Amino acid sequence: MFAKVARIEAIRLFLAYVAHKDFTVFQMDVKTGFLNVILKEEVYVDQPSDFVSKQYPDHVYALDKALYGLKQAPR
């Protein structure tokens, strides 16, 4: 995933329209947005050492979404 950025011309046009119509503009930033991305390939991880299942100690987890530190996660 990469952060999509609007072209400067589109931003200027938008702000000019907002000023013309006397609208209010709000902004936000989702700093953990990539953690909500569904992975495109199968990724498996070991159980965390403090949470190993006594019943299934050799099981691994199949990830549905990205985690910090994954090779597939954006930097």
PDB file of N, CA and C in Angstrom:
ATOM      1  N   MET A   1       0.841  -1.170   0.000  1.00  0.00           N
ATOM      2  CA  MET A   1       0.000   0.000   0.000  1.00  0.00           C
ATOM      3  C   MET A   1       0.886   1.233   0.000  1.00  0.00           C
ATOM      4  N   PHE A   2       0.475   2.233  -0.657  1.00  0.00           N
ATOM      5  CA  PHE A   2       1.190   3.502  -0.619  1.00  0.00           C
ATOM      6  C   PHE A   2       0.191   4.606  -0.346  1.00  0.00           C
ATOM      7  N   ALA A   3       0.700   5.704   0.154  1.00  0.00           N
ATOM      8  CA  ALA A   3      -0.182   6.830   0.465  1.00  0.00           C
ATOM      9  C   ALA A   3      -0.523   7.552  -0.822  1.00  0.00           C
ATOM     10  N   LYS A   4      -1.781   7.591  -1.147  1.00  0.00           N
ATOM     11  CA  LYS A   4      -2.217   8.298  -2.347  1.00  0.00           C
ATOM     12  C   LYS A   4      -2.252   9.787  -2.046  1.00  0.00           C
ATOM     13  N   VAL A   5      -1.644  10.554  -2.913  1.00  0.00           N
ATOM     14  CA  VAL A   5      -1.568  12.001  -2.729  1.00  0.00           C
ATOM     15  C   VAL A   5      -2.189  12.667  -3.944  1.00  0.00           C
ATOM     16  N   ALA A   6      -3.054  13.620  -3.688  1.00  0.00           N
ATOM     17  CA  ALA A   6      -3.704  14.351  -4.784  1.00  0.00           C
ATOM     18  C   ALA A   6      -2.704  15.294  -5.446  1.00  0.00           C
ATOM     19  N   ARG A   7      -2.912  15.544  -6.713  1.00  0.00           N
ATOM     20  CA  ARG A   7      -2.070  16.511  -7.420  1.00  0.00           C
ATOM     21  C   ARG A   7      -2.321  17.898  -6.860  1.00  0.00           C
ATOM     22  N   ILE A   8      -1.296  18.737  -6.859  1.00  0.00           N
ATOM     23  CA  ILE A   8      -1.406  20.076  -6.283  1.00  0.00           C
ATOM     24  C   ILE A   8      -2.481  20.898  -6.984  1.00  0.00           C
ATOM     25  N   GLU A   9      -2.666  20.683  -8.287  1.00  0.00           N
ATOM     26  CA  GLU A   9      -3.697  21.416  -9.022  1.00  0.00           C
ATOM     27  C   GLU A   9      -5.089  21.086  -8.487  1.00  0.00           C
ATOM     28  N   ALA A  10      -5.317  19.815  -8.175  1.00  0.00           N
ATOM     29  CA  ALA A  10      -6.616  19.398  -7.644  1.00  0.00           C
ATOM     30  C   ALA A  10      -6.854  19.996  -6.258  1.00  0.00           C
ATOM     31  N   ILE A  11      -5.819  20.050  -5.457  1.00  0.00           N
ATOM     32  CA  ILE A  11      -5.951  20.639  -4.120  1.00  0.00           C
ATOM     33  C   ILE A  11      -6.264  22.126  -4.222  1.00  0.00           C
ATOM     34  N   ARG A  12      -5.560  22.825  -5.099  1.00  0.00           N
ATOM     35  CA  ARG A  12      -5.802  24.262  -5.279  1.00  0.00           C
ATOM     36  C   ARG A  12      -7.219  24.530  -5.787  1.00  0.00           C
ATOM     37  N   LEU A  13      -7.672  23.739  -6.736  1.00  0.00           N
ATOM     38  CA  LEU A  13      -9.029  23.894  -7.260  1.00  0.00           C
ATOM     39  C   LEU A  13     -10.060  23.654  -6.156  1.00  0.00           C
ATOM     40  N   PHE A  14      -9.848  22.617  -5.387  1.00  0.00           N
ATOM     41  CA  PHE A  14     -10.742  22.308  -4.275  1.00  0.00           C
ATOM     42  C   PHE A  14     -10.785  23.455  -3.270  1.00  0.00           C
ATOM     43  N   LEU A  15      -9.626  23.971  -2.880  1.00  0.00           N
ATOM     44  CA  LEU A  15      -9.584  25.057  -1.896  1.00  0.00           C
ATOM     45  C   LEU A  15     -10.200  26.340  -2.443  1.00  0.00           C
ATOM     46  N   ALA A  16     -10.020  26.598  -3.740  1.00  0.00           N
ATOM     47  CA  ALA A  16     -10.647  27.779  -4.341  1.00  0.00           C
ATOM     48  C   ALA A  16     -12.169  27.650  -4.302  1.00  0.00           C
ATOM     49  N   TYR A  17     -12.683  26.468  -4.613  1.00  0.00           N
ATOM     50  CA  TYR A  17     -14.127  26.235  -4.570  1.00  0.00           C
ATOM     51  C   TYR A  17     -14.656  26.387  -3.145  1.00  0.00           C
ATOM     52  N   VAL A  18     -13.935  25.832  -2.189  1.00  0.00           N
ATOM     53  CA  VAL A  18     -14.326  25.923  -0.780  1.00  0.00           C
ATOM     54  C   VAL A  18     -14.373  27.379  -0.335  1.00  0.00           C
ATOM     55  N   ALA A  19     -13.361  28.153  -0.722  1.00  0.00           N
ATOM     56  CA  ALA A  19     -13.329  29.568  -0.346  1.00  0.00           C
ATOM     57  C   ALA A  19     -14.479  30.325  -1.001  1.00  0.00           C
ATOM     58  N   HIS A  20     -14.747  30.013  -2.272  1.00  0.00           N
ATOM     59  CA  HIS A  20     -15.830  30.677  -2.999  1.00  0.00           C
ATOM     60  C   HIS A  20     -17.189  30.410  -2.343  1.00  0.00           C
ATOM     61  N   LYS A  21     -17.408  29.179  -1.910  1.00  0.00           N
ATOM     62  CA  LYS A  21     -18.686  28.789  -1.299  1.00  0.00           C
ATOM     63  C   LYS A  21     -18.719  29.037   0.211  1.00  0.00           C
ATOM     64  N   ASP A  22     -17.613  29.501   0.770  1.00  0.00           N
ATOM     65  CA  ASP A  22     -17.503  29.774   2.206  1.00  0.00           C
ATOM     66  C   ASP A  22     -17.764  28.510   3.032  1.00  0.00           C
ATOM     67  N   PHE A  23     -17.232  27.377   2.549  1.00  0.00           N
ATOM     68  CA  PHE A  23     -17.349  26.116   3.269  1.00  0.00           C
ATOM     69  C   PHE A  23     -16.253  26.022   4.330  1.00  0.00           C
ATOM     70  N   THR A  24     -16.425  25.084   5.236  1.00  0.00           N
ATOM     71  CA  THR A  24     -15.394  24.766   6.226  1.00  0.00           C
ATOM     72  C   THR A  24     -14.717  23.472   5.806  1.00  0.00           C
ATOM     73  N   VAL A  25     -13.396  23.431   5.918  1.00  0.00           N
ATOM     74  CA  VAL A  25     -12.626  22.246   5.530  1.00  0.00           C
ATOM     75  C   VAL A  25     -12.003  21.634   6.779  1.00  0.00           C
ATOM     76  N   PHE A  26     -12.084  20.320   6.875  1.00  0.00           N
ATOM     77  CA  PHE A  26     -11.433  19.584   7.955  1.00  0.00           C
ATOM     78  C   PHE A  26     -10.414  18.641   7.337  1.00  0.00           C
ATOM     79  N   GLN A  27      -9.409  18.298   8.106  1.00  0.00           N
ATOM     80  CA  GLN A  27      -8.380  17.389   7.610  1.00  0.00           C
ATOM     81  C   GLN A  27      -8.092  16.354   8.674  1.00  0.00           C
ATOM     82  N   MET A  28      -7.617  15.183   8.241  1.00  0.00           N
ATOM     83  CA  MET A  28      -7.234  14.138   9.180  1.00  0.00           C
ATOM     84  C   MET A  28      -6.133  13.301   8.567  1.00  0.00           C
ATOM     85  N   ASP A  29      -5.454  12.572   9.405  1.00  0.00           N
ATOM     86  CA  ASP A  29      -4.380  11.695   8.963  1.00  0.00           C
ATOM     87  C   ASP A  29      -4.547  10.360   9.678  1.00  0.00           C
ATOM     88  N   VAL A  30      -4.520   9.283   8.916  1.00  0.00           N
ATOM     89  CA  VAL A  30      -4.620   7.949   9.499  1.00  0.00           C
ATOM     90  C   VAL A  30      -3.217   7.369   9.514  1.00  0.00           C
ATOM     91  N   LYS A  31      -2.566   7.452  10.664  1.00  0.00           N
ATOM     92  CA  LYS A  31      -1.170   7.028  10.761  1.00  0.00           C
ATOM     93  C   LYS A  31      -1.009   5.515  10.703  1.00  0.00           C
ATOM     94  N   THR A  32      -2.031   4.780  11.049  1.00  0.00           N
ATOM     95  CA  THR A  32      -1.943   3.319  11.017  1.00  0.00           C
ATOM     96  C   THR A  32      -2.821   2.748   9.910  1.00  0.00           C
ATOM     97  N   GLY A  33      -3.015   3.504   8.873  1.00  0.00           N
ATOM     98  CA  GLY A  33      -3.886   3.068   7.786  1.00  0.00           C
ATOM     99  C   GLY A  33      -3.464   1.754   7.164  1.00  0.00           C
ATOM    100  N   PHE A  34      -2.146   1.513   7.062  1.00  0.00           N
ATOM    101  CA  PHE A  34      -1.699   0.279   6.413  1.00  0.00           C
ATOM    102  C   PHE A  34      -2.024  -0.955   7.233  1.00  0.00           C
ATOM    103  N   LEU A  35      -2.299  -0.799   8.526  1.00  0.00           N
ATOM    104  CA  LEU A  35      -2.656  -1.959   9.338  1.00  0.00           C
ATOM    105  C   LEU A  35      -4.039  -2.490   8.988  1.00  0.00           C
ATOM    106  N   ASN A  36      -4.819  -1.724   8.261  1.00  0.00           N
ATOM    107  CA  ASN A  36      -6.156  -2.154   7.853  1.00  0.00           C
ATOM    108  C   ASN A  36      -6.182  -2.739   6.454  1.00  0.00           C
ATOM    109  N   VAL A  37      -5.022  -2.846   5.829  1.00  0.00           N
ATOM    110  CA  VAL A  37      -4.941  -3.372   4.467  1.00  0.00           C
ATOM    111  C   VAL A  37      -4.982  -4.895   4.500  1.00  0.00           C
ATOM    112  N   ILE A  38      -5.814  -5.475   3.661  1.00  0.00           N
ATOM    113  CA  ILE A  38      -5.875  -6.937   3.525  1.00  0.00           C
ATOM    114  C   ILE A  38      -4.647  -7.373   2.720  1.00  0.00           C
ATOM    115  N   LEU A  39      -3.939  -8.375   3.219  1.00  0.00           N
ATOM    116  CA  LEU A  39      -2.731  -8.853   2.546  1.00  0.00           C
ATOM    117  C   LEU A  39      -3.088  -9.559   1.244  1.00  0.00           C
ATOM    118  N   LYS A  40      -2.239  -9.385   0.239  1.00  0.00           N
ATOM    119  CA  LYS A  40      -2.486  -9.991  -1.074  1.00  0.00           C
ATOM    120  C   LYS A  40      -1.889 -11.386  -1.183  1.00  0.00           C
ATOM    121  N   GLU A  41      -1.045 -11.760  -0.233  1.00  0.00           N
ATOM    122  CA  GLU A  41      -0.440 -13.087  -0.258  1.00  0.00           C
ATOM    123  C   GLU A  41      -0.603 -13.730   1.116  1.00  0.00           C
ATOM    124  N   GLU A  42      -0.422 -15.041   1.165  1.00  0.00           N
ATOM    125  CA  GLU A  42      -0.554 -15.742   2.440  1.00  0.00           C
ATOM    126  C   GLU A  42       0.677 -15.479   3.298  1.00  0.00           C
ATOM    127  N   VAL A  43       0.450 -15.074   4.536  1.00  0.00           N
ATOM    128  CA  VAL A  43       1.538 -14.825   5.481  1.00  0.00           C
ATOM    129  C   VAL A  43       1.198 -15.546   6.778  1.00  0.00           C
ATOM    130  N   TYR A  44       2.173 -16.298   7.294  1.00  0.00           N
ATOM    131  CA  TYR A  44       1.997 -17.036   8.540  1.00  0.00           C
ATOM    132  C   TYR A  44       3.041 -16.574   9.547  1.00  0.00           C
ATOM    133  N   VAL A  45       2.648 -16.531  10.819  1.00  0.00           N
ATOM    134  CA  VAL A  45       3.579 -16.150  11.882  1.00  0.00           C
ATOM    135  C   VAL A  45       3.495 -17.163  13.014  1.00  0.00           C
ATOM    136  N   ASP A  46       4.615 -17.287  13.745  1.00  0.00           N
ATOM    137  CA  ASP A  46       4.643 -18.146  14.927  1.00  0.00           C
ATOM    138  C   ASP A  46       3.802 -17.536  16.035  1.00  0.00           C
ATOM    139  N   GLN A  47       3.431 -18.377  16.974  1.00  0.00           N
ATOM    140  CA  GLN A  47       2.729 -17.877  18.151  1.00  0.00           C
ATOM    141  C   GLN A  47       3.706 -17.040  18.981  1.00  0.00           C
ATOM    142  N   PRO A  48       3.255 -15.924  19.531  1.00  0.00           N
ATOM    143  CA  PRO A  48       4.129 -15.148  20.414  1.00  0.00           C
ATOM    144  C   PRO A  48       4.576 -16.021  21.588  1.00  0.00           C
ATOM    145  N   SER A  49       5.839 -15.910  21.989  1.00  0.00           N
ATOM    146  CA  SER A  49       6.397 -16.804  23.012  1.00  0.00           C
ATOM    147  C   SER A  49       5.614 -16.777  24.327  1.00  0.00           C
ATOM    148  N   ASP A  50       5.036 -15.649  24.675  1.00  0.00           N
ATOM    149  CA  ASP A  50       4.269 -15.560  25.922  1.00  0.00           C
ATOM    150  C   ASP A  50       2.846 -16.099  25.798  1.00  0.00           C
ATOM    151  N   PHE A  51       2.423 -16.425  24.572  1.00  0.00           N
ATOM    152  CA  PHE A  51       1.041 -16.852  24.346  1.00  0.00           C
ATOM    153  C   PHE A  51       0.954 -18.179  23.598  1.00  0.00           C
ATOM    154  N   VAL A  52       1.949 -19.035  23.756  1.00  0.00           N
ATOM    155  CA  VAL A  52       1.932 -20.329  23.070  1.00  0.00           C
ATOM    156  C   VAL A  52       0.842 -21.202  23.676  1.00  0.00           C
ATOM    157  N   SER A  53       0.010 -21.737  22.801  1.00  0.00           N
ATOM    158  CA  SER A  53      -1.074 -22.611  23.241  1.00  0.00           C
ATOM    159  C   SER A  53      -0.494 -23.928  23.749  1.00  0.00           C
ATOM    160  N   LYS A  54      -0.881 -24.329  24.954  1.00  0.00           N
ATOM    161  CA  LYS A  54      -0.402 -25.604  25.503  1.00  0.00           C
ATOM    162  C   LYS A  54      -0.989 -26.777  24.731  1.00  0.00           C
ATOM    163  N   GLN A  55      -2.179 -26.585  24.192  1.00  0.00           N
ATOM    164  CA  GLN A  55      -2.847 -27.651  23.447  1.00  0.00           C
ATOM    165  C   GLN A  55      -2.271 -27.777  22.031  1.00  0.00           C
ATOM    166  N   TYR A  56      -1.872 -26.649  21.428  1.00  0.00           N
ATOM    167  CA  TYR A  56      -1.358 -26.648  20.054  1.00  0.00           C
ATOM    168  C   TYR A  56      -0.062 -25.836  19.969  1.00  0.00           C
ATOM    169  N   PRO A  57       1.023 -26.307  20.566  1.00  0.00           N
ATOM    170  CA  PRO A  57       2.250 -25.503  20.604  1.00  0.00           C
ATOM    171  C   PRO A  57       2.919 -25.312  19.242  1.00  0.00           C
ATOM    172  N   ASP A  58       2.605 -26.163  18.272  1.00  0.00           N
ATOM    173  CA  ASP A  58       3.249 -26.069  16.956  1.00  0.00           C
ATOM    174  C   ASP A  58       2.407 -25.326  15.925  1.00  0.00           C
ATOM    175  N   HIS A  59       1.254 -24.812  16.319  1.00  0.00           N
ATOM    176  CA  HIS A  59       0.388 -24.088  15.375  1.00  0.00           C
ATOM    177  C   HIS A  59       0.964 -22.714  15.061  1.00  0.00           C
ATOM    178  N   VAL A  60       0.623 -22.236  13.886  1.00  0.00           N
ATOM    179  CA  VAL A  60       1.002 -20.880  13.468  1.00  0.00           C
ATOM    180  C   VAL A  60      -0.277 -20.112  13.144  1.00  0.00           C
ATOM    181  N   TYR A  61      -0.143 -18.796  13.017  1.00  0.00           N
ATOM    182  CA  TYR A  61      -1.286 -17.944  12.691  1.00  0.00           C
ATOM    183  C   TYR A  61      -1.217 -17.514  11.237  1.00  0.00           C
ATOM    184  N   ALA A  62      -2.342 -17.578  10.550  1.00  0.00           N
ATOM    185  CA  ALA A  62      -2.456 -17.025   9.195  1.00  0.00           C
ATOM    186  C   ALA A  62      -2.979 -15.601   9.346  1.00  0.00           C
ATOM    187  N   LEU A  63      -2.234 -14.641   8.823  1.00  0.00           N
ATOM    188  CA  LEU A  63      -2.629 -13.238   8.957  1.00  0.00           C
ATOM    189  C   LEU A  63      -3.617 -12.839   7.872  1.00  0.00           C
ATOM    190  N   ASP A  64      -4.604 -12.064   8.256  1.00  0.00           N
ATOM    191  CA  ASP A  64      -5.537 -11.473   7.301  1.00  0.00           C
ATOM    192  C   ASP A  64      -5.114 -10.053   6.946  1.00  0.00           C
ATOM    193  N   LYS A  65      -4.526  -9.356   7.921  1.00  0.00           N
ATOM    194  CA  LYS A  65      -4.143  -7.953   7.734  1.00  0.00           C
ATOM    195  C   LYS A  65      -2.684  -7.756   8.119  1.00  0.00           C
ATOM    196  N   ALA A  66      -2.122  -6.635   7.721  1.00  0.00           N
ATOM    197  CA  ALA A  66      -0.714  -6.341   7.947  1.00  0.00           C
ATOM    198  C   ALA A  66      -0.409  -6.122   9.425  1.00  0.00           C
ATOM    199  N   LEU A  67       0.850  -6.348   9.778  1.00  0.00           N
ATOM    200  CA  LEU A  67       1.370  -6.081  11.115  1.00  0.00           C
ATOM    201  C   LEU A  67       2.631  -5.240  10.977  1.00  0.00           C
ATOM    202  N   TYR A  68       2.982  -4.517  12.026  1.00  0.00           N
ATOM    203  CA  TYR A  68       4.253  -3.801  12.027  1.00  0.00           C
ATOM    204  C   TYR A  68       5.395  -4.793  11.855  1.00  0.00           C
ATOM    205  N   GLY A  69       6.381  -4.425  11.071  1.00  0.00           N
ATOM    206  CA  GLY A  69       7.564  -5.248  10.909  1.00  0.00           C
ATOM    207  C   GLY A  69       7.482  -6.281   9.804  1.00  0.00           C
ATOM    208  N   LEU A  70       6.342  -6.448   9.179  1.00  0.00           N
ATOM    209  CA  LEU A  70       6.242  -7.398   8.067  1.00  0.00           C
ATOM    210  C   LEU A  70       7.003  -6.880   6.861  1.00  0.00           C
ATOM    211  N   LYS A  71       7.573  -7.802   6.122  1.00  0.00           N
ATOM    212  CA  LYS A  71       8.235  -7.419   4.874  1.00  0.00           C
ATOM    213  C   LYS A  71       7.228  -6.791   3.916  1.00  0.00           C
ATOM    214  N   GLN A  72       5.984  -7.243   3.970  1.00  0.00           N
ATOM    215  CA  GLN A  72       4.942  -6.748   3.080  1.00  0.00           C
ATOM    216  C   GLN A  72       4.366  -5.410   3.534  1.00  0.00           C
ATOM    217  N   ALA A  73       4.655  -4.994   4.761  1.00  0.00           N
ATOM    218  CA  ALA A  73       4.104  -3.735   5.282  1.00  0.00           C
ATOM    219  C   ALA A  73       4.899  -2.549   4.742  1.00  0.00           C
ATOM    220  N   PRO A  74       4.251  -1.449   4.468  1.00  0.00           N
ATOM    221  CA  PRO A  74       4.969  -0.266   3.998  1.00  0.00           C
ATOM    222  C   PRO A  74       5.861   0.298   5.088  1.00  0.00           C
ATOM    223  N   ARG A  75       6.901   1.013   4.656  1.00  0.00           N
ATOM    224  CA  ARG A  75       7.849   1.590   5.630  1.00  0.00           C
ATOM    225  C   ARG A  75       7.661   3.061   5.719  1.00  0.00           C
TER     226      ARG A  75
END
